[in-house]
């Protein structure tokens, strides 16, 4: 049995690491994969590529069970529904099915400090979400259509992965979050339990010894020197989340933002 961990916001680096690990699992023909997810979600394209790779792995005969940790929300859910089964702790924070796009309107601040942008553009919407001005009504309408399209893709994937109707998914896919117990009642989760329960379920699906089969972890991120310092984990998480906010400003995200 193989094991892959998705820990933290989903980004390009996450995608690269996870796809490499999935290829290794496929090459070694593991009959089962334990997918541990502890993520608030992240970028849309990266979540979709991981989701697609997991589905291809299942087509090769690999049984995939997702284990939701402290949080598996938004893009974390999107990745998780590619699994055959999902196990979550009763108190896991999950859900947040929806799309968010944020830009910064700094026009008042720039005016106060005497900075003004001069823009020459080839089309009406070329500088959409520019920080030096507010959105026009037409720009807001255009961006809303992008959000709606991305949202429909999300709903469709959840409905297909969880064998639900799109109508039933839309009833609760308004960005709200759930506990693992609530998610089970909605059909987003199959069983309540910890990672050990998920491991046993994966072994059972693949006809492996449930007691003695232990997973081999692929794609484990390398520990950085800073990670050896006391209190560095919290600091690293703060820097990681701040980086997501800065780097993905103006991008469509499947991300839970508490």
Protein backbone atom coordinates (compact mmCIF):
# COMPACT_ATOMS: atom_id res chain seq x y z
CA UNK A 1 0.00 0.00 0.00
CA UNK A 2 1.18 3.50 -0.84
CA UNK A 3 0.56 6.74 1.02
CA UNK A 4 0.60 10.33 -0.24
CA UNK A 5 0.21 13.39 1.98
CA UNK A 6 -1.28 16.70 0.87
CA UNK A 7 -0.50 19.13 3.67
CA UNK A 8 -1.16 22.86 3.44
CA UNK A 9 -2.50 25.06 0.63
CA UNK A 10 -2.64 23.48 -2.82
CA UNK A 11 -0.28 25.30 -5.17
CA UNK A 12 1.99 24.63 -8.11
CA UNK A 13 4.62 23.17 -5.81
CA UNK A 14 2.02 20.85 -4.26
CA UNK A 15 0.87 19.71 -7.70
CA UNK A 16 4.41 18.96 -8.85
CA UNK A 17 5.20 16.96 -5.71
CA UNK A 18 1.93 15.00 -5.68
CA UNK A 19 1.94 14.18 -9.40
CA UNK A 20 5.47 12.83 -9.09
CA UNK A 21 4.38 10.66 -6.16
CA UNK A 22 1.33 9.38 -8.09
CA UNK A 23 3.58 8.39 -10.99
CA UNK A 24 5.78 6.41 -8.60
CA UNK A 25 2.75 4.64 -7.16
CA UNK A 26 1.58 3.79 -10.67
CA UNK A 27 5.00 2.54 -11.79
CA UNK A 28 5.27 0.24 -8.79
CA UNK A 29 1.70 -0.98 -9.30
CA UNK A 30 0.51 -0.57 -5.74
CA UNK A 31 -2.97 -2.06 -5.30
CA UNK A 32 -4.04 0.62 -2.81
CA UNK A 33 -3.31 4.27 -2.00
CA UNK A 34 -3.98 6.03 1.30
CA UNK A 35 -4.38 9.71 0.48
CA UNK A 36 -3.97 11.90 3.57
CA UNK A 37 -5.39 15.41 3.09
CA UNK A 38 -4.94 18.29 5.51
CA UNK A 39 -5.51 21.31 3.30
CA UNK A 40 -7.79 24.38 3.02
CA UNK A 41 -7.66 24.09 -0.78
CA UNK A 42 -5.92 26.43 -3.18
CA UNK A 43 -5.50 27.08 -6.87
CA UNK A 44 -8.08 25.67 -9.27
CA UNK A 45 -5.86 24.28 -12.02
CA UNK A 46 -3.51 22.53 -9.60
CA UNK A 47 -6.43 20.92 -7.75
CA UNK A 48 -7.91 19.74 -11.05
CA UNK A 49 -4.65 18.18 -12.25
CA UNK A 50 -4.23 16.22 -9.01
CA UNK A 51 -7.87 15.13 -9.20
CA UNK A 52 -7.44 13.91 -12.80
CA UNK A 53 -4.24 12.03 -11.97
CA UNK A 54 -5.97 10.22 -9.12
CA UNK A 55 -8.84 9.18 -11.38
CA UNK A 56 -6.35 7.79 -13.91
CA UNK A 57 -4.65 5.86 -11.12
CA UNK A 58 -7.99 4.34 -10.15
CA UNK A 59 -8.55 3.31 -13.76
CA UNK A 60 -5.32 1.30 -13.50
CA UNK A 61 -6.90 -0.71 -10.67
CA UNK A 62 -5.51 1.11 -7.63
CA UNK A 63 -8.01 1.48 -4.77
CA UNK A 64 -7.81 4.99 -3.28
CA UNK A 65 -9.09 5.95 0.15
CA UNK A 66 -8.87 9.57 1.29
CA UNK A 67 -8.31 10.39 4.94
CA UNK A 68 -9.35 13.93 5.94
CA UNK A 69 -7.27 15.35 8.79
CA UNK A 70 -7.86 18.60 10.69
CA UNK A 71 -9.16 20.32 7.58
CA UNK A 72 -10.00 19.29 4.06
CA UNK A 73 -11.94 22.12 2.52
CA UNK A 74 -12.68 23.60 -0.90
CA UNK A 75 -9.89 22.38 -3.23
CA UNK A 76 -9.08 19.74 -0.61
CA UNK A 77 -12.60 18.38 -1.09
CA UNK A 78 -12.19 18.52 -4.87
CA UNK A 79 -9.07 16.37 -4.66
CA UNK A 80 -10.67 14.07 -2.09
CA UNK A 81 -13.74 13.22 -4.17
CA UNK A 82 -11.45 11.51 -6.69
CA UNK A 83 -11.01 8.76 -4.09
CA UNK A 84 -13.11 5.62 -4.01
CA UNK A 85 -13.92 6.17 -0.32
CA UNK A 86 -13.48 9.08 2.11
CA UNK A 87 -12.89 8.77 5.85
CA UNK A 88 -12.98 11.86 8.08
CA UNK A 89 -12.66 12.53 11.77
CA UNK A 90 -15.98 13.57 13.35
CA UNK A 91 -14.49 17.01 14.01
CA UNK A 92 -12.72 17.48 10.68
CA UNK A 93 -13.47 20.85 9.07
CA UNK A 94 -14.59 20.22 5.52
CA UNK A 95 -16.92 21.61 2.87
CA UNK A 96 -16.43 25.23 1.75
CA UNK A 97 -17.46 24.13 -1.73
CA UNK A 98 -17.29 27.30 -3.76
CA UNK A 99 -15.07 29.76 -5.57
CA UNK A 100 -13.45 32.99 -4.51
CA UNK A 101 -11.68 35.76 -6.42
CA UNK A 102 -10.24 38.80 -4.69
CA UNK A 103 -8.43 41.88 -5.89
CA UNK A 104 -7.24 44.99 -4.09
CA UNK A 105 -8.70 48.43 -4.74
CA UNK A 106 -5.94 50.73 -3.54
CA UNK A 107 -7.14 53.82 -5.40
CA UNK A 108 -7.80 55.91 -2.27
CA UNK A 109 -4.42 55.03 -0.78
CA UNK A 110 -2.57 55.72 -4.04
CA UNK A 111 -4.36 59.04 -4.40
CA UNK A 112 -3.41 60.02 -0.87
CA UNK A 113 0.29 59.38 -1.44
CA UNK A 114 0.30 60.94 -4.89
CA UNK A 115 0.68 57.87 -7.10
CA UNK A 116 -1.33 57.50 -10.29
CA UNK A 117 -1.09 54.78 -12.93
CA UNK A 118 -1.13 55.59 -16.63
CA UNK A 119 -2.54 52.62 -18.54
CA UNK A 120 -2.50 51.90 -22.27
CA UNK A 121 -4.38 48.74 -23.14
CA UNK A 122 -5.45 46.75 -26.20
CA UNK A 123 -8.91 45.88 -24.96
CA UNK A 124 -11.60 47.04 -22.59
CA UNK A 125 -10.91 44.35 -19.99
CA UNK A 126 -7.12 44.07 -20.28
CA UNK A 127 -6.46 45.73 -16.91
CA UNK A 128 -9.31 44.09 -15.05
CA UNK A 129 -8.70 43.95 -11.28
CA UNK A 130 -6.12 46.73 -11.55
CA UNK A 131 -5.41 47.92 -7.98
CA UNK A 132 -5.67 51.62 -8.85
CA UNK A 133 -9.41 51.67 -9.54
CA UNK A 134 -12.70 50.00 -8.72
CA UNK A 135 -14.35 47.43 -10.97
CA UNK A 136 -16.86 48.61 -13.54
CA UNK A 137 -20.26 46.95 -13.76
CA UNK A 138 -19.26 45.16 -16.98
CA UNK A 139 -16.04 43.89 -15.39
CA UNK A 140 -17.91 42.61 -12.37
CA UNK A 141 -20.37 40.81 -14.64
CA UNK A 142 -17.51 39.22 -16.61
CA UNK A 143 -15.71 38.02 -13.48
CA UNK A 144 -18.94 36.64 -12.05
CA UNK A 145 -19.36 34.53 -15.19
CA UNK A 146 -15.87 33.09 -14.61
CA UNK A 147 -16.75 32.31 -11.02
CA UNK A 148 -20.01 30.66 -12.05
CA UNK A 149 -18.24 28.47 -14.61
CA UNK A 150 -15.61 27.37 -12.09
CA UNK A 151 -18.32 26.72 -9.51
CA UNK A 152 -20.24 24.51 -11.95
CA UNK A 153 -17.09 22.45 -12.57
CA UNK A 154 -16.65 22.03 -8.82
CA UNK A 155 -20.26 20.96 -8.25
CA UNK A 156 -20.13 18.52 -11.15
CA UNK A 157 -16.96 16.85 -9.82
CA UNK A 158 -18.39 16.50 -6.31
CA UNK A 159 -21.66 15.11 -7.64
CA UNK A 160 -19.87 12.56 -9.83
CA UNK A 161 -17.33 11.56 -7.21
CA UNK A 162 -19.86 11.16 -4.42
CA UNK A 163 -22.67 9.77 -6.61
CA UNK A 164 -24.99 12.63 -5.77
CA UNK A 165 -27.16 14.78 -7.99
CA UNK A 166 -25.89 18.24 -8.87
CA UNK A 167 -29.08 19.71 -7.41
CA UNK A 168 -28.44 18.10 -4.03
CA UNK A 169 -24.83 19.29 -4.04
CA UNK A 170 -25.87 22.86 -4.84
CA UNK A 171 -28.18 22.80 -1.81
CA UNK A 172 -25.16 22.81 0.51
CA UNK A 173 -22.38 24.04 -1.81
CA UNK A 174 -22.64 27.70 -0.85
CA UNK A 175 -19.26 28.04 0.83
CA UNK A 176 -20.36 26.83 4.25
CA UNK A 177 -18.14 24.46 6.21
CA UNK A 178 -19.13 21.27 8.02
CA UNK A 179 -17.74 18.91 10.60
CA UNK A 180 -16.87 15.43 9.44
CA UNK A 181 -20.02 14.15 11.12
CA UNK A 182 -22.20 16.65 9.26
CA UNK A 183 -20.43 15.84 6.00
CA UNK A 184 -21.23 12.15 6.45
CA UNK A 185 -24.93 12.97 6.76
CA UNK A 186 -24.70 14.94 3.50
CA UNK A 187 -22.93 12.13 1.65
CA UNK A 188 -19.58 13.92 1.34
CA UNK A 189 -17.91 11.35 3.60
CA UNK A 190 -18.34 7.57 3.74
CA UNK A 191 -17.09 6.78 7.22
CA UNK A 192 -16.03 8.54 10.41
CA UNK A 193 -12.61 7.59 11.73
CA UNK A 194 -8.93 8.41 11.79
CA UNK A 195 -6.11 7.66 9.38
CA UNK A 196 -5.73 4.17 10.79
CA UNK A 197 -9.35 3.43 9.95
CA UNK A 198 -8.73 4.73 6.43
CA UNK A 199 -5.67 2.49 6.12
CA UNK A 200 -7.69 -0.56 7.13
CA UNK A 201 -10.42 0.32 4.64
CA UNK A 202 -7.89 0.70 1.82
CA UNK A 203 -6.37 -2.67 2.69
CA UNK A 204 -9.82 -4.28 2.73
CA UNK A 205 -10.76 -2.87 -0.68
CA UNK A 206 -7.51 -4.19 -2.17
CA UNK A 207 -7.80 -7.61 -0.44
CA UNK A 208 -4.68 -6.95 1.65
CA UNK A 209 -3.97 -7.96 5.23
CA UNK A 210 -5.78 -5.29 7.25
CA UNK A 211 -3.70 -5.93 10.37
CA UNK A 212 -0.19 -6.04 8.95
CA UNK A 213 -0.17 -4.03 5.72
CA UNK A 214 1.66 -0.76 6.38
CA UNK A 215 1.83 2.04 3.80
CA UNK A 216 4.95 3.41 2.15
CA UNK A 217 4.87 7.20 1.94
CA UNK A 218 5.73 8.91 -1.35
CA UNK A 219 6.30 12.58 -2.03
CA UNK A 220 7.04 13.55 1.55
CA UNK A 221 8.23 17.21 1.55
CA UNK A 222 11.84 17.61 2.62
CA UNK A 223 12.32 19.05 6.09
CA UNK A 224 13.85 22.50 6.07
CA UNK A 225 16.42 23.69 8.58
CA UNK A 226 13.93 26.18 10.01
CA UNK A 227 11.64 23.27 10.84
CA UNK A 228 14.08 22.12 13.52
CA UNK A 229 13.64 25.32 15.57
CA UNK A 230 11.11 25.52 18.44
CA UNK A 231 7.81 27.09 17.34
CA UNK A 232 8.90 27.08 13.71
CA UNK A 233 5.90 25.02 12.54
CA UNK A 234 3.42 27.78 13.43
CA UNK A 235 5.66 30.41 11.89
CA UNK A 236 6.03 28.37 8.71
CA UNK A 237 2.25 27.92 8.44
CA UNK A 238 1.75 31.67 8.85
CA UNK A 239 4.30 32.46 6.14
CA UNK A 240 2.78 29.79 3.89
CA UNK A 241 -0.74 31.19 4.24
CA UNK A 242 0.50 34.75 3.74
CA UNK A 243 2.30 33.68 0.58
CA UNK A 244 -0.91 32.15 -0.77
CA UNK A 245 -2.74 35.43 -0.15
CA UNK A 246 -0.07 37.49 -1.92
CA UNK A 247 0.83 35.18 -4.81
CA UNK A 248 -2.75 34.29 -5.71
CA UNK A 249 -4.26 37.74 -5.50
CA UNK A 250 -6.46 38.14 -8.58
CA UNK A 251 -6.69 34.37 -9.19
CA UNK A 252 -9.81 32.22 -9.04
CA UNK A 253 -9.37 29.95 -6.02
CA UNK A 254 -11.00 26.93 -4.46
CA UNK A 255 -9.81 27.96 -1.02
CA UNK A 256 -11.33 28.14 2.46
CA UNK A 257 -10.52 31.52 3.98
CA UNK A 258 -11.64 31.63 7.63
